[in-house]
PDB file of N, CA and C in Angstrom:
ATOM      1  N   UNK A   1     216.867  -2.293 -79.367  1.00  0.00           N
ATOM      2  CA  UNK A   1     217.384  -2.000 -80.571  1.00  0.00           C
ATOM      3  C   UNK A   1     216.685  -0.204 -80.327  1.00  0.00           C
ATOM      4  N   UNK A   2     216.929   0.379 -81.215  1.00  0.00           N
ATOM      5  CA  UNK A   2     217.720   1.771 -81.150  1.00  0.00           C
ATOM      6  C   UNK A   2     216.675   2.166 -82.121  1.00  0.00           C
ATOM      7  N   UNK A   3     216.193   3.860 -82.176  1.00  0.00           N
ATOM      8  CA  UNK A   3     215.556   4.134 -82.366  1.00  0.00           C
ATOM      9  C   UNK A   3     215.827   3.861 -84.349  1.00  0.00           C
ATOM     10  N   UNK A   4     217.064   4.679 -84.218  1.00  0.00           N
ATOM     11  CA  UNK A   4     217.715   4.956 -85.707  1.00  0.00           C
ATOM     12  C   UNK A   4     217.435   3.343 -86.688  1.00  0.00           C
ATOM     13  N   UNK A   5     218.047   2.137 -85.896  1.00  0.00           N
ATOM     14  CA  UNK A   5     218.356   0.771 -86.681  1.00  0.00           C
ATOM     15  C   UNK A   5     216.903   0.406 -87.314  1.00  0.00           C
ATOM     16  N   UNK A   6     215.460   0.831 -86.086  1.00  0.00           N
ATOM     17  CA  UNK A   6     214.324   0.403 -86.572  1.00  0.00           C
ATOM     18  C   UNK A   6     214.247   0.424 -88.002  1.00  0.00           C
ATOM     19  N   UNK A   7     213.763   2.304 -88.991  1.00  0.00           N
ATOM     20  CA  UNK A   7     214.176   1.914 -89.700  1.00  0.00           C
ATOM     21  C   UNK A   7     214.852   1.592 -90.443  1.00  0.00           C
ATOM     22  N   UNK A   8     214.725   1.046 -91.808  1.00  0.00           N
ATOM     23  CA  UNK A   8     216.003   1.542 -93.262  1.00  0.00           C
ATOM     24  C   UNK A   8     215.995   2.035 -93.957  1.00  0.00           C
ATOM     25  N   UNK A   9     214.494   2.541 -93.901  1.00  0.00           N
ATOM     26  CA  UNK A   9     214.836   2.818 -95.400  1.00  0.00           C
ATOM     27  C   UNK A   9     213.555   3.152 -96.343  1.00  0.00           C
ATOM     28  N   UNK A  10     212.813   4.035 -96.561  1.00  0.00           N
ATOM     29  CA  UNK A  10     211.486   4.422 -97.198  1.00  0.00           C
ATOM     30  C   UNK A  10     211.118   3.545 -98.431  1.00  0.00           C
ATOM     31  N   UNK A  11     210.503   3.647 -98.867  1.00  0.00           N
ATOM     32  CA  UNK A  11     210.448   2.807-100.089  1.00  0.00           C
ATOM     33  C   UNK A  11     209.756   4.629-101.084  1.00  0.00           C
ATOM     34  N   UNK A  12     209.770   4.296-102.771  1.00  0.00           N
ATOM     35  CA  UNK A  12     209.475   5.273-103.018  1.00  0.00           C
ATOM     36  C   UNK A  12     209.548   4.400-104.407  1.00  0.00           C
ATOM     37  N   UNK A  13     207.472   3.740-104.434  1.00  0.00           N
ATOM     38  CA  UNK A  13     206.923   3.317-105.163  1.00  0.00           C
ATOM     39  C   UNK A  13     205.869   3.864-106.434  1.00  0.00           C
ATOM     40  N   UNK A  14     205.332   3.024-107.138  1.00  0.00           N
ATOM     41  CA  UNK A  14     203.953   4.212-107.480  1.00  0.00           C
ATOM     42  C   UNK A  14     202.360   3.680-106.727  1.00  0.00           C
ATOM     43  N   UNK A  15     202.685   2.379-105.738  1.00  0.00           N
ATOM     44  CA  UNK A  15     202.030   2.648-105.208  1.00  0.00           C
ATOM     45  C   UNK A  15     201.924   2.997-104.214  1.00  0.00           C
ATOM     46  N   UNK A  16     202.659   3.148-103.182  1.00  0.00           N
ATOM     47  CA  UNK A  16     203.619   4.233-102.275  1.00  0.00           C
ATOM     48  C   UNK A  16     203.610   5.681-102.308  1.00  0.00           C
ATOM     49  N   UNK A  17     203.489   6.317-103.213  1.00  0.00           N
ATOM     50  CA  UNK A  17     203.307   7.318-103.655  1.00  0.00           C
ATOM     51  C   UNK A  17     202.157   7.741-103.409  1.00  0.00           C
ATOM     52  N   UNK A  18     201.009   6.764-104.645  1.00  0.00           N
ATOM     53  CA  UNK A  18     199.139   7.129-104.323  1.00  0.00           C
ATOM     54  C   UNK A  18     199.169   6.923-102.534  1.00  0.00           C
ATOM     55  N   UNK A  19     199.780   6.759-101.811  1.00  0.00           N
ATOM     56  CA  UNK A  19     199.571   6.231-101.212  1.00  0.00           C
ATOM     57  C   UNK A  19     199.388   7.230 -99.877  1.00  0.00           C
ATOM     58  N   UNK A  20     200.686   8.261-100.191  1.00  0.00           N
ATOM     59  CA  UNK A  20     201.039   9.724 -99.414  1.00  0.00           C
ATOM     60  C   UNK A  20     200.078  10.335-100.271  1.00  0.00           C
ATOM     61  N   UNK A  21     199.671  10.568-101.042  1.00  0.00           N
ATOM     62  CA  UNK A  21     198.705  11.137-102.385  1.00  0.00           C
ATOM     63  C   UNK A  21     197.749  11.073-101.242  1.00  0.00           C
ATOM     64  N   UNK A  22     196.897   9.595-101.614  1.00  0.00           N
ATOM     65  CA  UNK A  22     195.974   9.585-100.966  1.00  0.00           C
ATOM     66  C   UNK A  22     195.294   9.868-100.000  1.00  0.00           C
ATOM     67  N   UNK A  23     195.924   8.594 -99.193  1.00  0.00           N
ATOM     68  CA  UNK A  23     195.972   8.581 -97.514  1.00  0.00           C
ATOM     69  C   UNK A  23     196.496   8.066 -96.410  1.00  0.00           C
ATOM     70  N   UNK A  24     197.869   9.264 -96.843  1.00  0.00           N
ATOM     71  CA  UNK A  24     198.172  10.090 -95.305  1.00  0.00           C
ATOM     72  C   UNK A  24     198.889   9.041 -95.263  1.00  0.00           C
ATOM     73  N   UNK A  25     199.315   8.510 -96.231  1.00  0.00           N
ATOM     74  CA  UNK A  25     200.398   6.690 -95.600  1.00  0.00           C
ATOM     75  C   UNK A  25     202.140   6.886 -96.053  1.00  0.00           C
ATOM     76  N   UNK A  26     203.138   6.841 -95.165  1.00  0.00           N
ATOM     77  CA  UNK A  26     203.839   6.220 -96.296  1.00  0.00           C
ATOM     78  C   UNK A  26     204.670   4.607 -96.462  1.00  0.00           C
ATOM     79  N   UNK A  27     205.401   4.175 -96.272  1.00  0.00           N
ATOM     80  CA  UNK A  27     205.668   2.554 -96.222  1.00  0.00           C
ATOM     81  C   UNK A  27     207.421   2.782 -95.605  1.00  0.00           C
ATOM     82  N   UNK A  28     207.881   1.787 -95.539  1.00  0.00           N
ATOM     83  CA  UNK A  28     209.319   1.958 -94.104  1.00  0.00           C
ATOM     84  C   UNK A  28     209.342   0.745 -94.815  1.00  0.00           C
ATOM     85  N   UNK A  29     210.667   0.387 -94.736  1.00  0.00           N
ATOM     86  CA  UNK A  29     211.203  -0.082 -94.926  1.00  0.00           C
ATOM     87  C   UNK A  29     211.898  -1.128 -93.333  1.00  0.00           C
ATOM     88  N   UNK A  30     211.543  -2.093 -92.747  1.00  0.00           N
ATOM     89  CA  UNK A  30     211.932  -2.062 -91.176  1.00  0.00           C
ATOM     90  C   UNK A  30     212.889  -3.492 -90.164  1.00  0.00           C
ATOM     91  N   UNK A  31     213.012  -3.311 -89.685  1.00  0.00           N
ATOM     92  CA  UNK A  31     214.290  -4.427 -88.792  1.00  0.00           C
ATOM     93  C   UNK A  31     213.155  -5.514 -88.596  1.00  0.00           C
ATOM     94  N   UNK A  32     212.841  -6.350 -89.177  1.00  0.00           N
ATOM     95  CA  UNK A  32     212.529  -7.704 -89.338  1.00  0.00           C
ATOM     96  C   UNK A  32     212.325  -8.343 -87.840  1.00  0.00           C
ATOM     97  N   UNK A  33     212.950  -7.767 -86.387  1.00  0.00           N
ATOM     98  CA  UNK A  33     212.686  -7.773 -85.541  1.00  0.00           C
ATOM     99  C   UNK A  33     212.271  -6.503 -84.759  1.00  0.00           C
ATOM    100  N   UNK A  34     211.281  -5.802 -84.940  1.00  0.00           N
ATOM    101  CA  UNK A  34     210.609  -4.903 -84.939  1.00  0.00           C
ATOM    102  C   UNK A  34     208.869  -5.321 -84.466  1.00  0.00           C
ATOM    103  N   UNK A  35     208.283  -3.986 -84.044  1.00  0.00           N
ATOM    104  CA  UNK A  35     206.791  -4.513 -83.593  1.00  0.00           C
ATOM    105  C   UNK A  35     206.306  -3.622 -84.055  1.00  0.00           C
ATOM    106  N   UNK A  36     205.193  -3.683 -84.386  1.00  0.00           N
ATOM    107  CA  UNK A  36     204.060  -2.271 -84.555  1.00  0.00           C
ATOM    108  C   UNK A  36     204.658  -1.617 -83.373  1.00  0.00           C
ATOM    109  N   UNK A  37     204.732  -1.287 -82.157  1.00  0.00           N
ATOM    110  CA  UNK A  37     204.852  -0.530 -81.101  1.00  0.00           C
ATOM    111  C   UNK A  37     206.336   0.730 -81.525  1.00  0.00           C
ATOM    112  N   UNK A  38     208.217  -0.905 -81.712  1.00  0.00           N
ATOM    113  CA  UNK A  38     208.973   0.574 -81.950  1.00  0.00           C
ATOM    114  C   UNK A  38     208.955   0.300 -82.998  1.00  0.00           C
ATOM    115  N   UNK A  39     207.941   0.219 -83.786  1.00  0.00           N
ATOM    116  CA  UNK A  39     208.185   1.451 -84.877  1.00  0.00           C
ATOM    117  C   UNK A  39     207.005   1.846 -84.944  1.00  0.00           C
ATOM    118  N   UNK A  40     205.505   2.324 -84.218  1.00  0.00           N
ATOM    119  CA  UNK A  40     205.731   3.164 -83.524  1.00  0.00           C
ATOM    120  C   UNK A  40     206.585   4.460 -83.745  1.00  0.00           C
ATOM    121  N   UNK A  41     206.448   4.038 -82.831  1.00  0.00           N
ATOM    122  CA  UNK A  41     208.144   5.076 -82.109  1.00  0.00           C
ATOM    123  C   UNK A  41     209.036   5.942 -81.812  1.00  0.00           C
ATOM    124  N   UNK A  42     209.831   4.465 -83.409  1.00  0.00           N
ATOM    125  CA  UNK A  42     209.957   4.768 -83.902  1.00  0.00           C
ATOM    126  C   UNK A  42     210.140   6.246 -84.906  1.00  0.00           C
ATOM    127  N   UNK A  43     209.217   6.339 -85.323  1.00  0.00           N
ATOM    128  CA  UNK A  43     208.431   7.042 -86.178  1.00  0.00           C
ATOM    129  C   UNK A  43     208.584   8.803 -86.362  1.00  0.00           C
ATOM    130  N   UNK A  44     207.910   7.748 -84.427  1.00  0.00           N
ATOM    131  CA  UNK A  44     207.416   9.656 -84.101  1.00  0.00           C
ATOM    132  C   UNK A  44     208.331  10.630 -82.953  1.00  0.00           C
ATOM    133  N   UNK A  45     209.046   9.084 -82.736  1.00  0.00           N
ATOM    134  CA  UNK A  45     210.709  10.222 -82.699  1.00  0.00           C
ATOM    135  C   UNK A  45     211.799  10.778 -83.147  1.00  0.00           C
ATOM    136  N   UNK A  46     211.821   9.613 -84.813  1.00  0.00           N
ATOM    137  CA  UNK A  46     212.532  10.138 -85.463  1.00  0.00           C
ATOM    138  C   UNK A  46     212.151  11.598 -86.393  1.00  0.00           C
ATOM    139  N   UNK A  47     210.931  12.138 -86.872  1.00  0.00           N
ATOM    140  CA  UNK A  47     210.492  12.651 -87.628  1.00  0.00           C
ATOM    141  C   UNK A  47     208.641  13.146 -87.325  1.00  0.00           C
ATOM    142  N   UNK A  48     209.674  13.901 -86.291  1.00  0.00           N
ATOM    143  CA  UNK A  48     208.111  14.345 -85.233  1.00  0.00           C
ATOM    144  C   UNK A  48     206.684  15.048 -85.570  1.00  0.00           C
ATOM    145  N   UNK A  49     206.546  12.858 -85.306  1.00  0.00           N
ATOM    146  CA  UNK A  49     204.738  13.306 -86.202  1.00  0.00           C
ATOM    147  C   UNK A  49     204.050  12.168 -85.515  1.00  0.00           C
ATOM    148  N   UNK A  50     202.787  12.804 -84.940  1.00  0.00           N
ATOM    149  CA  UNK A  50     201.559  11.378 -84.459  1.00  0.00           C
ATOM    150  C   UNK A  50     201.788  10.467 -85.952  1.00  0.00           C
ATOM    151  N   UNK A  51     202.177   9.196 -85.359  1.00  0.00           N
ATOM    152  CA  UNK A  51     200.961   7.885 -86.303  1.00  0.00           C
ATOM    153  C   UNK A  51     199.206   8.134 -85.630  1.00  0.00           C
ATOM    154  N   UNK A  52     198.548   7.726 -86.465  1.00  0.00           N
ATOM    155  CA  UNK A  52     197.238   6.743 -86.228  1.00  0.00           C
ATOM    156  C   UNK A  52     196.964   5.400 -85.821  1.00  0.00           C
ATOM    157  N   UNK A  53     197.541   4.892 -86.838  1.00  0.00           N
ATOM    158  CA  UNK A  53     197.965   3.386 -87.425  1.00  0.00           C
ATOM    159  C   UNK A  53     199.325   3.305 -87.695  1.00  0.00           C
ATOM    160  N   UNK A  54     199.616   1.866 -87.496  1.00  0.00           N
ATOM    161  CA  UNK A  54     200.396   0.670 -88.493  1.00  0.00           C
ATOM    162  C   UNK A  54     199.512  -0.456 -89.057  1.00  0.00           C
ATOM    163  N   UNK A  55     200.648  -0.791 -90.002  1.00  0.00           N
ATOM    164  CA  UNK A  55     200.151  -2.234 -90.848  1.00  0.00           C
ATOM    165  C   UNK A  55     201.640  -2.662 -91.015  1.00  0.00           C
ATOM    166  N   UNK A  56     201.791  -4.273 -90.817  1.00  0.00           N
ATOM    167  CA  UNK A  56     203.133  -4.185 -90.816  1.00  0.00           C
ATOM    168  C   UNK A  56     203.330  -5.239 -92.017  1.00  0.00           C
ATOM    169  N   UNK A  57     203.872  -6.114 -92.923  1.00  0.00           N
ATOM    170  CA  UNK A  57     203.462  -6.937 -94.165  1.00  0.00           C
ATOM    171  C   UNK A  57     205.101  -7.008 -94.062  1.00  0.00           C
ATOM    172  N   UNK A  58     205.111  -8.927 -94.701  1.00  0.00           N
ATOM    173  CA  UNK A  58     206.095  -9.817 -94.924  1.00  0.00           C
ATOM    174  C   UNK A  58     206.451  -9.402 -96.683  1.00  0.00           C
ATOM    175  N   UNK A  59     207.348  -8.970 -97.106  1.00  0.00           N
ATOM    176  CA  UNK A  59     207.163  -9.095 -98.588  1.00  0.00           C
ATOM    177  C   UNK A  59     207.179 -10.368 -98.776  1.00  0.00           C
ATOM    178  N   UNK A  60     207.738 -10.548-100.055  1.00  0.00           N
ATOM    179  CA  UNK A  60     208.172 -12.154-100.704  1.00  0.00           C
ATOM    180  C   UNK A  60     209.957 -12.321-101.098  1.00  0.00           C
ATOM    181  N   UNK A  61     210.643 -11.259-100.902  1.00  0.00           N
ATOM    182  CA  UNK A  61     211.842 -11.379-100.999  1.00  0.00           C
ATOM    183  C   UNK A  61     212.795 -11.679 -99.439  1.00  0.00           C
ATOM    184  N   UNK A  62     211.663 -11.153 -98.285  1.00  0.00           N
ATOM    185  CA  UNK A  62     211.523 -11.438 -97.053  1.00  0.00           C
ATOM    186  C   UNK A  62     211.688  -9.555 -95.956  1.00  0.00           C
ATOM    187  N   UNK A  63     211.106  -9.602 -96.815  1.00  0.00           N
ATOM    188  CA  UNK A  63     211.953  -7.416 -95.882  1.00  0.00           C
ATOM    189  C   UNK A  63     210.785  -7.696 -94.685  1.00  0.00           C
ATOM    190  N   UNK A  64     210.155  -6.664 -94.106  1.00  0.00           N
ATOM    191  CA  UNK A  64     209.147  -6.351 -93.735  1.00  0.00           C
ATOM    192  C   UNK A  64     209.437  -5.095 -93.807  1.00  0.00           C
ATOM    193  N   UNK A  65     208.107  -4.668 -94.533  1.00  0.00           N
ATOM    194  CA  UNK A  65     208.057  -3.125 -94.478  1.00  0.00           C
ATOM    195  C   UNK A  65     206.588  -3.131 -94.006  1.00  0.00           C
ATOM    196  N   UNK A  66     206.317  -2.058 -93.411  1.00  0.00           N
ATOM    197  CA  UNK A  66     205.450  -1.192 -92.170  1.00  0.00           C
ATOM    198  C   UNK A  66     205.078   0.129 -93.324  1.00  0.00           C
ATOM    199  N   UNK A  67     203.516   0.131 -92.847  1.00  0.00           N
ATOM    200  CA  UNK A  67     202.509   1.190 -93.562  1.00  0.00           C
ATOM    201  C   UNK A  67     202.556   2.152 -92.660  1.00  0.00           C
ATOM    202  N   UNK A  68     202.250   3.138 -92.516  1.00  0.00           N
ATOM    203  CA  UNK A  68     202.285   3.079 -91.546  1.00  0.00           C
ATOM    204  C   UNK A  68     201.686   4.944 -91.614  1.00  0.00           C
ATOM    205  N   UNK A  69     200.695   5.104 -91.256  1.00  0.00           N
ATOM    206  CA  UNK A  69     199.207   6.379 -91.302  1.00  0.00           C
ATOM    207  C   UNK A  69     199.642   7.533 -90.225  1.00  0.00           C
ATOM    208  N   UNK A  70     200.216   8.351 -91.012  1.00  0.00           N
ATOM    209  CA  UNK A  70     199.721   9.400 -90.324  1.00  0.00           C
ATOM    210  C   UNK A  70     198.856  10.199 -89.366  1.00  0.00           C
ATOM    211  N   UNK A  71     198.405  11.264 -88.539  1.00  0.00           N
ATOM    212  CA  UNK A  71     197.488  11.763 -87.538  1.00  0.00           C
ATOM    213  C   UNK A  71     197.954  12.472 -88.711  1.00  0.00           C
ATOM    214  N   UNK A  72     196.606  13.186 -88.362  1.00  0.00           N
ATOM    215  CA  UNK A  72     195.342  14.432 -89.577  1.00  0.00           C
ATOM    216  C   UNK A  72     196.166  16.082 -89.638  1.00  0.00           C
ATOM    217  N   UNK A  73     196.264  15.868 -88.380  1.00  0.00           N
ATOM    218  CA  UNK A  73     197.371  17.553 -89.067  1.00  0.00           C
ATOM    219  C   UNK A  73     198.323  17.117 -89.019  1.00  0.00           C
ATOM    220  N   UNK A  74     198.905  16.227 -89.821  1.00  0.00           N
ATOM    221  CA  UNK A  74     200.429  15.834 -90.294  1.00  0.00           C
ATOM    222  C   UNK A  74     200.835  15.574 -91.316  1.00  0.00           C
ATOM    223  N   UNK A  75     200.987  16.569 -92.995  1.00  0.00           N
ATOM    224  CA  UNK A  75     201.173  15.063 -93.558  1.00  0.00           C
ATOM    225  C   UNK A  75     202.169  14.459 -94.056  1.00  0.00           C
ATOM    226  N   UNK A  76     201.759  13.330 -94.820  1.00  0.00           N
ATOM    227  CA  UNK A  76     203.110  12.250 -94.805  1.00  0.00           C
ATOM    228  C   UNK A  76     203.310  12.840 -96.811  1.00  0.00           C
ATOM    229  N   UNK A  77     203.170  14.067 -97.513  1.00  0.00           N
ATOM    230  CA  UNK A  77     203.376  14.688 -98.208  1.00  0.00           C
ATOM    231  C   UNK A  77     204.770  15.595 -98.021  1.00  0.00           C
ATOM    232  N   UNK A  78     204.668  15.918 -96.980  1.00  0.00           N
ATOM    233  CA  UNK A  78     205.744  16.774 -96.486  1.00  0.00           C
ATOM    234  C   UNK A  78     207.040  16.151 -95.907  1.00  0.00           C
ATOM    235  N   UNK A  79     206.280  15.343 -95.376  1.00  0.00           N
ATOM    236  CA  UNK A  79     207.234  14.138 -94.610  1.00  0.00           C
ATOM    237  C   UNK A  79     208.342  14.193 -95.541  1.00  0.00           C
ATOM    238  N   UNK A  80     207.737  12.997 -96.527  1.00  0.00           N
ATOM    239  CA  UNK A  80     208.147  12.225 -97.943  1.00  0.00           C
ATOM    240  C   UNK A  80     209.144  13.079 -98.722  1.00  0.00           C
ATOM    241  N   UNK A  81     208.357  14.898 -98.702  1.00  0.00           N
ATOM    242  CA  UNK A  81     210.021  15.599 -99.504  1.00  0.00           C
ATOM    243  C   UNK A  81     210.806  15.753 -98.321  1.00  0.00           C
ATOM    244  N   UNK A  82     211.373  15.839 -97.340  1.00  0.00           N
ATOM    245  CA  UNK A  82     211.771  16.660 -95.793  1.00  0.00           C
ATOM    246  C   UNK A  82     212.384  14.981 -96.466  1.00  0.00           C
ATOM    247  N   UNK A  83     212.365  13.665 -96.054  1.00  0.00           N
ATOM    248  CA  UNK A  83     212.698  12.506 -97.016  1.00  0.00           C
ATOM    249  C   UNK A  83     213.517  12.328 -98.271  1.00  0.00           C
ATOM    250  N   UNK A  84     213.547  13.495 -99.697  1.00  0.00           N
ATOM    251  CA  UNK A  84     213.690  13.036-100.103  1.00  0.00           C
ATOM    252  C   UNK A  84     212.798  11.820-101.443  1.00  0.00           C
ATOM    253  N   UNK A  85     211.321  11.512-100.868  1.00  0.00           N
ATOM    254  CA  UNK A  85     211.129  10.846-100.836  1.00  0.00           C
ATOM    255  C   UNK A  85     210.541  10.993-102.826  1.00  0.00           C
ATOM    256  N   UNK A  86     210.195  12.711-102.394  1.00  0.00           N
ATOM    257  CA  UNK A  86     209.726  12.473-103.593  1.00  0.00           C
ATOM    258  C   UNK A  86     209.551  13.847-104.207  1.00  0.00           C
TER     259      UNK A  86
END
């Protein structure tokens, strides 16, 4: 699985904006076959950031979401603006 095929798209909802602002977290829709380690590598290499923690969630629609907490030295708001979410 290539790095670019793991992360499908970022999520832009009210809840994701709240997580960006208050908890330094971003939410991505990821490949259904991806696990925490592959998501971590893809985010770190694609966006040049350090990941502190990842939680994987299956949505009702069957999509796989990854809640990515960035290390304190990186800003989720800056990354969200680069991704044109904010």
